C-alpha atoms as a PDB file:
ATOM      1  CA  MET A   1     -53.926 -42.962  25.760  1.00  0.00           C
ATOM      2  CA  ARG A   2     -55.608 -41.912  22.563  1.00  0.00           C
ATOM      3  CA  THR A   3     -57.740 -44.259  20.533  1.00  0.00           C
ATOM      4  CA  MET A   4     -56.413 -46.877  18.142  1.00  0.00           C
ATOM      5  CA  ALA A   5     -57.911 -44.830  15.326  1.00  0.00           C
ATOM      6  CA  THR A   6     -55.416 -42.087  16.112  1.00  0.00           C
ATOM      7  CA  VAL A   7     -52.597 -44.629  16.400  1.00  0.00           C
ATOM      8  CA  ARG A   8     -53.522 -45.945  12.974  1.00  0.00           C
ATOM      9  CA  GLN A   9     -53.695 -42.487  11.428  1.00  0.00           C
ATOM     10  CA  VAL A  10     -50.336 -41.402  12.839  1.00  0.00           C
ATOM     11  CA  ALA A  11     -48.562 -44.703  12.050  1.00  0.00           C
ATOM     12  CA  VAL A  12     -49.741 -44.711   8.446  1.00  0.00           C
ATOM     13  CA  ALA A  13     -48.828 -41.027   7.976  1.00  0.00           C
ATOM     14  CA  ALA A  14     -45.339 -41.652   9.374  1.00  0.00           C
ATOM     15  CA  ALA A  15     -44.788 -44.703   7.169  1.00  0.00           C
ATOM     16  CA  LEU A  16     -45.964 -42.938   4.017  1.00  0.00           C
ATOM     17  CA  SER A  17     -43.815 -39.874   4.724  1.00  0.00           C
ATOM     18  CA  ALA A  18     -40.752 -42.009   5.378  1.00  0.00           C
ATOM     19  CA  GLY A  19     -41.508 -44.063   2.283  1.00  0.00           C
ATOM     20  CA  ARG A  20     -41.562 -40.945   0.119  1.00  0.00           C
ATOM     21  CA  LEU A  21     -38.174 -39.975   1.539  1.00  0.00           C
ATOM     22  CA  LEU A  22     -36.726 -43.411   0.725  1.00  0.00           C
ATOM     23  CA  ARG A  23     -38.165 -43.359  -2.771  1.00  0.00           C
ATOM     24  CA  GLU A  24     -36.835 -39.871  -3.509  1.00  0.00           C
ATOM     25  CA  ARG A  25     -33.316 -40.701  -2.332  1.00  0.00           C
ATOM     26  CA  LEU A  26     -33.049 -44.164  -3.878  1.00  0.00           C
ATOM     27  CA  GLY A  27     -29.865 -44.300  -5.950  1.00  0.00           C
ATOM     28  CA  ARG A  28     -28.469 -41.172  -4.296  1.00  0.00           C
ATOM     29  CA  VAL A  29     -26.924 -42.518  -1.076  1.00  0.00           C
ATOM     30  CA  ARG A  30     -23.953 -40.353  -0.132  1.00  0.00           C
ATOM     31  CA  GLU A  31     -22.765 -41.854   3.165  1.00  0.00           C
ATOM     32  CA  ILE A  32     -22.403 -45.488   4.206  1.00  0.00           C
ATOM     33  CA  ARG A  33     -21.184 -46.523   7.652  1.00  0.00           C
ATOM     34  CA  TYR A  34     -20.746 -49.969   9.177  1.00  0.00           C
ATOM     35  CA  LYS A  35     -22.269 -51.292  12.398  1.00  0.00           C
ATOM     36  CA  GLY A  36     -20.453 -54.580  11.780  1.00  0.00           C
ATOM     37  CA  ALA A  37     -18.498 -56.338   9.061  1.00  0.00           C
ATOM     38  CA  VAL A  38     -21.472 -56.319   6.652  1.00  0.00           C
ATOM     39  CA  ASN A  39     -24.201 -54.426   8.555  1.00  0.00           C
ATOM     40  CA  LEU A  40     -24.685 -51.055   6.852  1.00  0.00           C
ATOM     41  CA  VAL A  41     -26.303 -47.797   7.872  1.00  0.00           C
ATOM     42  CA  THR A  42     -26.775 -44.804   5.582  1.00  0.00           C
ATOM     43  CA  GLU A  43     -27.717 -41.170   6.104  1.00  0.00           C
ATOM     44  CA  VAL A  44     -31.121 -42.121   4.675  1.00  0.00           C
ATOM     45  CA  ASP A  45     -31.735 -44.591   7.542  1.00  0.00           C
ATOM     46  CA  ILE A  46     -31.062 -41.784  10.000  1.00  0.00           C
ATOM     47  CA  ALA A  47     -33.225 -39.250   8.184  1.00  0.00           C
ATOM     48  CA  SER A  48     -36.098 -41.716   7.857  1.00  0.00           C
ATOM     49  CA  GLU A  49     -35.990 -42.597  11.547  1.00  0.00           C
ATOM     50  CA  ARG A  50     -35.927 -38.932  12.557  1.00  0.00           C
ATOM     51  CA  LEU A  51     -38.946 -38.215  10.356  1.00  0.00           C
ATOM     52  CA  ILE A  52     -40.931 -41.143  11.781  1.00  0.00           C
ATOM     53  CA  VAL A  53     -40.132 -40.349  15.414  1.00  0.00           C
ATOM     54  CA  GLU A  54     -40.907 -36.648  15.027  1.00  0.00           C
ATOM     55  CA  THR A  55     -44.247 -37.446  13.381  1.00  0.00           C
ATOM     56  CA  ILE A  56     -45.242 -39.803  16.181  1.00  0.00           C
ATOM     57  CA  GLN A  57     -43.943 -37.579  18.986  1.00  0.00           C
ATOM     58  CA  ALA A  58     -46.043 -34.691  17.733  1.00  0.00           C
ATOM     59  CA  ALA A  59     -49.170 -36.769  18.396  1.00  0.00           C
ATOM     60  CA  PHE A  60     -47.960 -38.882  21.336  1.00  0.00           C
ATOM     61  CA  PRO A  61     -45.286 -36.987  23.313  1.00  0.00           C
ATOM     62  CA  GLU A  62     -45.693 -39.388  26.239  1.00  0.00           C
ATOM     63  CA  HIS A  63     -44.901 -42.551  24.252  1.00  0.00           C
ATOM     64  CA  ALA A  64     -41.569 -44.400  24.257  1.00  0.00           C
ATOM     65  CA  PHE A  65     -39.486 -45.641  21.321  1.00  0.00           C
ATOM     66  CA  PHE A  66     -37.339 -48.653  20.472  1.00  0.00           C
ATOM     67  CA  THR A  67     -35.584 -47.999  17.174  1.00  0.00           C
ATOM     68  CA  GLU A  68     -32.844 -49.531  15.056  1.00  0.00           C
ATOM     69  CA  GLU A  69     -30.732 -46.405  14.666  1.00  0.00           C
ATOM     70  CA  GLY A  70     -30.711 -45.398  18.306  1.00  0.00           C
ATOM     71  CA  THR A  71     -33.304 -42.643  18.645  1.00  0.00           C
ATOM     72  CA  GLY A  72     -34.971 -44.693  21.377  1.00  0.00           C
ATOM     73  CA  SER A  73     -34.096 -47.771  23.410  1.00  0.00           C
ATOM     74  CA  ALA A  74     -36.946 -48.033  25.910  1.00  0.00           C
ATOM     75  CA  SER A  75     -37.948 -51.311  27.535  1.00  0.00           C
ATOM     76  CA  LEU A  76     -39.991 -53.555  25.278  1.00  0.00           C
ATOM     77  CA  ASP A  77     -42.647 -53.873  27.973  1.00  0.00           C
ATOM     78  CA  ALA A  78     -43.188 -50.112  28.226  1.00  0.00           C
ATOM     79  CA  PRO A  79     -46.879 -49.139  28.551  1.00  0.00           C
ATOM     80  CA  ALA A  80     -46.958 -47.481  25.120  1.00  0.00           C
ATOM     81  CA  LEU A  81     -44.049 -48.195  22.776  1.00  0.00           C
ATOM     82  CA  TRP A  82     -43.222 -47.704  19.096  1.00  0.00           C
ATOM     83  CA  VAL A  83     -40.792 -50.197  17.565  1.00  0.00           C
ATOM     84  CA  ILE A  84     -39.339 -48.805  14.365  1.00  0.00           C
ATOM     85  CA  ASP A  85     -37.130 -49.932  11.516  1.00  0.00           C
ATOM     86  CA  PRO A  86     -36.865 -46.844   9.303  1.00  0.00           C
ATOM     87  CA  LEU A  87     -35.289 -48.771   6.421  1.00  0.00           C
ATOM     88  CA  ASP A  88     -35.437 -52.547   6.510  1.00  0.00           C
ATOM     89  CA  GLY A  89     -33.207 -53.718   3.681  1.00  0.00           C
ATOM     90  CA  THR A  90     -30.430 -51.137   3.968  1.00  0.00           C
ATOM     91  CA  THR A  91     -27.917 -53.194   1.972  1.00  0.00           C
ATOM     92  CA  ASN A  92     -30.440 -53.512  -0.845  1.00  0.00           C
ATOM     93  CA  TYR A  93     -31.139 -49.799  -0.682  1.00  0.00           C
ATOM     94  CA  ALA A  94     -27.464 -48.847  -0.743  1.00  0.00           C
ATOM     95  CA  HIS A  95     -27.034 -50.899  -3.918  1.00  0.00           C
ATOM     96  CA  GLY A  96     -30.152 -49.506  -5.565  1.00  0.00           C
ATOM     97  CA  TYR A  97     -31.984 -52.830  -5.321  1.00  0.00           C
ATOM     98  CA  PRO A  98     -35.673 -51.955  -4.734  1.00  0.00           C
ATOM     99  CA  MET A  99     -36.420 -54.535  -2.032  1.00  0.00           C
ATOM    100  CA  PHE A 100     -36.827 -52.548   1.182  1.00  0.00           C
ATOM    101  CA  CYS A 101     -39.518 -51.108   3.417  1.00  0.00           C
ATOM    102  CA  VAL A 102     -40.481 -49.022   6.422  1.00  0.00           C
ATOM    103  CA  SER A 103     -41.624 -51.026   9.464  1.00  0.00           C
ATOM    104  CA  ILE A 104     -43.527 -49.498  12.395  1.00  0.00           C
ATOM    105  CA  ALA A 105     -45.258 -51.297  15.248  1.00  0.00           C
ATOM    106  CA  PHE A 106     -47.191 -49.927  18.218  1.00  0.00           C
ATOM    107  CA  LEU A 107     -47.026 -52.030  21.404  1.00  0.00           C
ATOM    108  CA  CYS A 108     -48.980 -51.882  24.662  1.00  0.00           C
ATOM    109  CA  GLU A 109     -47.323 -53.613  27.613  1.00  0.00           C
ATOM    110  CA  GLY A 110     -45.067 -55.565  25.258  1.00  0.00           C
ATOM    111  CA  GLU A 111     -47.790 -56.800  22.896  1.00  0.00           C
ATOM    112  CA  PRO A 112     -48.013 -55.545  19.294  1.00  0.00           C
ATOM    113  CA  GLU A 113     -51.373 -53.847  18.778  1.00  0.00           C
ATOM    114  CA  PHE A 114     -50.906 -52.118  15.426  1.00  0.00           C
ATOM    115  CA  ALA A 115     -48.436 -52.601  12.586  1.00  0.00           C
ATOM    116  CA  VAL A 116     -47.467 -50.919   9.336  1.00  0.00           C
ATOM    117  CA  VAL A 117     -45.062 -52.212   6.697  1.00  0.00           C
ATOM    118  CA  TYR A 118     -44.749 -49.945   3.671  1.00  0.00           C
ATOM    119  CA  GLN A 119     -42.959 -50.822   0.427  1.00  0.00           C
ATOM    120  CA  PRO A 120     -42.599 -47.419  -1.282  1.00  0.00           C
ATOM    121  CA  VAL A 121     -41.412 -48.579  -4.710  1.00  0.00           C
ATOM    122  CA  LEU A 122     -44.542 -50.686  -5.250  1.00  0.00           C
ATOM    123  CA  ASP A 123     -46.672 -48.363  -3.078  1.00  0.00           C
ATOM    124  CA  GLU A 124     -47.865 -51.336  -1.013  1.00  0.00           C
ATOM    125  CA  LEU A 125     -49.150 -50.498   2.460  1.00  0.00           C
ATOM    126  CA  PHE A 126     -49.575 -53.496   4.767  1.00  0.00           C
ATOM    127  CA  ILE A 127     -51.383 -52.820   8.041  1.00  0.00           C
ATOM    128  CA  ALA A 128     -52.623 -55.000  10.885  1.00  0.00           C
ATOM    129  CA  GLU A 129     -54.552 -54.357  14.081  1.00  0.00           C
ATOM    130  CA  ARG A 130     -54.851 -56.941  16.825  1.00  0.00           C
ATOM    131  CA  GLY A 131     -58.237 -58.617  16.650  1.00  0.00           C
ATOM    132  CA  VAL A 132     -59.263 -56.716  13.522  1.00  0.00           C
ATOM    133  CA  GLY A 133     -57.196 -58.305  10.745  1.00  0.00           C
ATOM    134  CA  ALA A 134     -54.436 -57.630   8.246  1.00  0.00           C
ATOM    135  CA  PHE A 135     -54.813 -55.630   5.044  1.00  0.00           C
ATOM    136  CA  LEU A 136     -52.894 -54.632   1.922  1.00  0.00           C
ATOM    137  CA  ASN A 137     -53.994 -51.318   0.430  1.00  0.00           C
ATOM    138  CA  GLY A 138     -57.389 -51.833   2.058  1.00  0.00           C
ATOM    139  CA  GLU A 139     -57.918 -55.451   0.985  1.00  0.00           C
ATOM    140  CA  ARG A 140     -58.057 -58.130   3.674  1.00  0.00           C
ATOM    141  CA  LEU A 141     -55.127 -60.555   3.742  1.00  0.00           C
ATOM    142  CA  ARG A 142     -55.159 -64.293   4.314  1.00  0.00           C
ATOM    143  CA  VAL A 143     -52.217 -66.668   4.434  1.00  0.00           C
ATOM    144  CA  SER A 144     -51.846 -69.331   1.746  1.00  0.00           C
ATOM    145  CA  GLN A 145     -53.467 -72.761   1.893  1.00  0.00           C
ATOM    146  CA  HIS A 146     -50.499 -74.853   0.725  1.00  0.00           C
ATOM    147  CA  ALA A 147     -50.274 -77.825   3.066  1.00  0.00           C
ATOM    148  CA  ASP A 148     -47.252 -79.588   1.551  1.00  0.00           C
ATOM    149  CA  LEU A 149     -43.759 -78.266   2.279  1.00  0.00           C
ATOM    150  CA  HIS A 150     -42.541 -79.759  -1.005  1.00  0.00           C
ATOM    151  CA  SER A 151     -44.745 -77.357  -2.985  1.00  0.00           C
ATOM    152  CA  ALA A 152     -44.069 -74.342  -0.772  1.00  0.00           C
ATOM    153  CA  LEU A 153     -42.361 -71.074  -1.665  1.00  0.00           C
ATOM    154  CA  LEU A 154     -40.303 -69.947   1.322  1.00  0.00           C
ATOM    155  CA  ALA A 155     -38.129 -67.019   2.351  1.00  0.00           C
ATOM    156  CA  THR A 156     -35.223 -66.643   4.747  1.00  0.00           C
ATOM    157  CA  GLY A 157     -32.302 -64.426   5.673  1.00  0.00           C
ATOM    158  CA  PHE A 158     -28.769 -64.929   6.974  1.00  0.00           C
ATOM    159  CA  PRO A 159     -27.103 -63.556  10.113  1.00  0.00           C
ATOM    160  CA  TYR A 160     -24.696 -60.633   9.823  1.00  0.00           C
ATOM    161  CA  ASP A 161     -22.148 -62.654  11.805  1.00  0.00           C
ATOM    162  CA  ARG A 162     -20.266 -64.602   9.126  1.00  0.00           C
ATOM    163  CA  GLU A 163     -19.429 -67.468  11.500  1.00  0.00           C
ATOM    164  CA  ARG A 164     -23.112 -67.987  12.299  1.00  0.00           C
ATOM    165  CA  ARG A 165     -23.873 -68.148   8.588  1.00  0.00           C
ATOM    166  CA  ARG A 166     -22.475 -71.683   8.425  1.00  0.00           C
ATOM    167  CA  GLU A 167     -25.339 -72.918  10.582  1.00  0.00           C
ATOM    168  CA  ALA A 168     -27.845 -70.879   8.583  1.00  0.00           C
ATOM    169  CA  LEU A 169     -26.470 -72.196   5.296  1.00  0.00           C
ATOM    170  CA  ALA A 170     -26.942 -75.781   6.451  1.00  0.00           C
ATOM    171  CA  ALA A 171     -30.636 -75.130   7.115  1.00  0.00           C
ATOM    172  CA  PHE A 172     -30.889 -73.214   3.842  1.00  0.00           C
ATOM    173  CA  ALA A 173     -29.557 -76.249   1.985  1.00  0.00           C
ATOM    174  CA  ARG A 174     -32.085 -78.563   3.641  1.00  0.00           C
ATOM    175  CA  PHE A 175     -34.981 -76.278   2.746  1.00  0.00           C
ATOM    176  CA  THR A 176     -33.716 -75.750  -0.799  1.00  0.00           C
ATOM    177  CA  LEU A 177     -33.621 -79.512  -1.337  1.00  0.00           C
ATOM    178  CA  THR A 178     -37.102 -79.955   0.146  1.00  0.00           C
ATOM    179  CA  ALA A 179     -39.308 -76.997  -0.815  1.00  0.00           C
ATOM    180  CA  ARG A 180     -40.316 -75.823  -4.278  1.00  0.00           C
ATOM    181  CA  ALA A 181     -38.086 -72.759  -3.925  1.00  0.00           C
ATOM    182  CA  VAL A 182     -36.477 -70.490  -1.325  1.00  0.00           C
ATOM    183  CA  ARG A 183     -35.993 -66.748  -1.692  1.00  0.00           C
ATOM    184  CA  ARG A 184     -33.401 -64.690   0.177  1.00  0.00           C
ATOM    185  CA  ASP A 185     -34.029 -61.018  -0.526  1.00  0.00           C
ATOM    186  CA  GLY A 186     -32.770 -59.111   2.501  1.00  0.00           C
ATOM    187  CA  SER A 187     -35.844 -57.711   4.267  1.00  0.00           C
ATOM    188  CA  ALA A 188     -37.379 -59.712   7.110  1.00  0.00           C
ATOM    189  CA  ALA A 189     -40.260 -57.270   7.555  1.00  0.00           C
ATOM    190  CA  LEU A 190     -41.265 -57.615   3.908  1.00  0.00           C
ATOM    191  CA  ASN A 191     -40.834 -61.403   4.012  1.00  0.00           C
ATOM    192  CA  LEU A 192     -43.273 -61.541   6.930  1.00  0.00           C
ATOM    193  CA  ALA A 193     -45.702 -59.230   5.147  1.00  0.00           C
ATOM    194  CA  TYR A 194     -45.532 -61.523   2.120  1.00  0.00           C
ATOM    195  CA  VAL A 195     -46.342 -64.547   4.297  1.00  0.00           C
ATOM    196  CA  ALA A 196     -49.398 -62.637   5.520  1.00  0.00           C
ATOM    197  CA  ALA A 197     -50.351 -61.897   1.907  1.00  0.00           C
ATOM    198  CA  GLY A 198     -49.990 -65.553   0.852  1.00  0.00           C
ATOM    199  CA  ARG A 199     -47.088 -64.778  -1.483  1.00  0.00           C
ATOM    200  CA  PHE A 200     -44.763 -66.862   0.672  1.00  0.00           C
ATOM    201  CA  ASP A 201     -45.942 -69.972   2.479  1.00  0.00           C
ATOM    202  CA  GLY A 202     -43.311 -69.673   5.192  1.00  0.00           C
ATOM    203  CA  PHE A 203     -40.309 -67.768   6.505  1.00  0.00           C
ATOM    204  CA  TRP A 204     -37.522 -68.585   8.945  1.00  0.00           C
ATOM    205  CA  GLU A 205     -34.498 -66.666  10.200  1.00  0.00           C
ATOM    206  CA  GLN A 206     -32.190 -66.427  13.207  1.00  0.00           C
ATOM    207  CA  GLU A 207     -30.576 -63.470  14.992  1.00  0.00           C
ATOM    208  CA  LEU A 208     -33.431 -61.090  14.329  1.00  0.00           C
ATOM    209  CA  SER A 209     -34.023 -57.904  16.305  1.00  0.00           C
ATOM    210  CA  PRO A 210     -37.390 -56.612  17.596  1.00  0.00           C
ATOM    211  CA  TRP A 211     -37.570 -53.929  14.881  1.00  0.00           C
ATOM    212  CA  ASP A 212     -37.231 -56.668  12.239  1.00  0.00           C
ATOM    213  CA  THR A 213     -40.302 -58.574  13.395  1.00  0.00           C
ATOM    214  CA  ALA A 214     -42.609 -56.442  15.574  1.00  0.00           C
ATOM    215  CA  ALA A 215     -44.800 -55.312  12.680  1.00  0.00           C
ATOM    216  CA  GLY A 216     -44.479 -58.348  10.423  1.00  0.00           C
ATOM    217  CA  THR A 217     -45.395 -60.955  12.994  1.00  0.00           C
ATOM    218  CA  LEU A 218     -48.646 -59.159  13.811  1.00  0.00           C
ATOM    219  CA  LEU A 219     -49.434 -59.104  10.091  1.00  0.00           C
ATOM    220  CA  VAL A 220     -48.938 -62.875   9.903  1.00  0.00           C
ATOM    221  CA  THR A 221     -51.043 -63.754  12.931  1.00  0.00           C
ATOM    222  CA  GLU A 222     -53.844 -61.391  11.935  1.00  0.00           C
ATOM    223  CA  ALA A 223     -53.855 -62.978   8.474  1.00  0.00           C
ATOM    224  CA  GLY A 224     -54.408 -66.390  10.059  1.00  0.00           C
ATOM    225  CA  GLY A 225     -50.821 -67.618  10.177  1.00  0.00           C
ATOM    226  CA  ARG A 226     -48.599 -68.977  12.929  1.00  0.00           C
ATOM    227  CA  VAL A 227     -45.401 -67.521  14.384  1.00  0.00           C
ATOM    228  CA  THR A 228     -43.025 -69.318  16.795  1.00  0.00           C
ATOM    229  CA  ASP A 229     -39.369 -69.543  17.688  1.00  0.00           C
ATOM    230  CA  TYR A 230     -37.208 -72.436  16.438  1.00  0.00           C
ATOM    231  CA  ASP A 231     -38.383 -74.543  19.413  1.00  0.00           C
ATOM    232  CA  GLY A 232     -42.014 -74.106  18.447  1.00  0.00           C
ATOM    233  CA  GLN A 233     -42.775 -71.829  21.382  1.00  0.00           C
ATOM    234  CA  PRO A 234     -44.926 -68.698  20.953  1.00  0.00           C
ATOM    235  CA  TYR A 235     -42.812 -65.958  19.430  1.00  0.00           C
ATOM    236  CA  ARG A 236     -41.601 -63.088  21.600  1.00  0.00           C
ATOM    237  CA  LEU A 237     -39.685 -60.048  20.397  1.00  0.00           C
ATOM    238  CA  THR A 238     -36.782 -60.860  22.704  1.00  0.00           C
ATOM    239  CA  GLN A 239     -36.220 -64.170  20.920  1.00  0.00           C
ATOM    240  CA  GLY A 240     -33.726 -64.156  18.078  1.00  0.00           C
ATOM    241  CA  THR A 241     -35.210 -67.004  16.040  1.00  0.00           C
ATOM    242  CA  CYS A 242     -38.445 -66.749  14.101  1.00  0.00           C
ATOM    243  CA  VAL A 243     -40.547 -69.157  12.055  1.00  0.00           C
ATOM    244  CA  ALA A 244     -43.678 -67.766  10.394  1.00  0.00           C
ATOM    245  CA  SER A 245     -45.997 -69.713   8.137  1.00  0.00           C
ATOM    246  CA  ASN A 246     -49.518 -70.334   6.965  1.00  0.00           C
ATOM    247  CA  GLY A 247     -49.766 -72.800   9.861  1.00  0.00           C
ATOM    248  CA  LEU A 248     -50.244 -75.798   7.611  1.00  0.00           C
ATOM    249  CA  ILE A 249     -46.533 -76.362   6.951  1.00  0.00           C
ATOM    250  CA  HIS A 250     -45.288 -75.003  10.267  1.00  0.00           C
ATOM    251  CA  ASP A 251     -44.460 -78.262  12.028  1.00  0.00           C
ATOM    252  CA  ALA A 252     -42.714 -79.575   8.913  1.00  0.00           C
ATOM    253  CA  MET A 253     -40.599 -76.411   8.827  1.00  0.00           C
ATOM    254  CA  LEU A 254     -39.680 -76.815  12.496  1.00  0.00           C
ATOM    255  CA  ASP A 255     -38.706 -80.444  11.913  1.00  0.00           C
ATOM    256  CA  LEU A 256     -36.436 -79.466   9.044  1.00  0.00           C
ATOM    257  CA  ILE A 257     -34.770 -76.701  11.051  1.00  0.00           C
ATOM    258  CA  ARG A 258     -33.980 -79.143  13.847  1.00  0.00           C
ATOM    259  CA  ARG A 259     -32.632 -81.844  11.547  1.00  0.00           C
ATOM    260  CA  ASP A 260     -28.868 -82.201  11.332  1.00  0.00           C
ATOM    261  CA  ASP A 261     -26.887 -82.368   8.113  1.00  0.00           C
ATOM    262  CA  ARG A 262     -27.019 -86.176   8.073  1.00  0.00           C
ATOM    263  CA  GLY A 263     -30.792 -86.116   7.913  1.00  0.00           C
ATOM    264  CA  GLY A 264     -31.383 -87.181  11.513  1.00  0.00           C
ATOM    265  CA  ALA A 265     -33.450 -85.412  14.148  1.00  0.00           C
END
């Protein structure tokens, strides 16, 4: 296996190339298909994924892929694996709303080792390397220091399954009535990157896929934050629930998620 320096170079090049493609085609989507009642995929998702995979394969022909649009579906514990979301925030993108990103993570034996989240409209490149740290356009990132959930700015997302949204809406209401504010902007990877950058104090969501979180969770932990499932256990990519925070409000977030609509535990 080549060095992490090569992994970094290739991952960043792939993300920037895909980001240019997304930026150039924003507002010009020609084809929208549905993977579910409200889960969209466009021809730009497909083109972005193809570009990313081809870039990585040229440097690492022996590596495996796990991607949102089906180019690869290798085991998550493969020796060398790339987990890719070529366009996180497809619904936003299809509507011309500039809240979307490219998300790429490199895993060894199931553990994220390097991550890139690129927001092409703002030209913000978030990267993280295990044990090295998290960075935004070369500047080191640290999570926020807000210790009170009542003064926190949070982010979340809702499941595609409309029946499961009832449960998510109940938690959303509890957080809205407790925290300073809650944002719901349709890109889990960016939400996690913003937790790492200290822009959000915390994030929670259910029914997430590995490509939604593989890069973002490494960003959070390398920026000094905490990531678990809804039960407070260490987060794994096979788990569908995710809570990420600055660590200081994490237990309070978990308590609120577990609370029922009557206010009891």
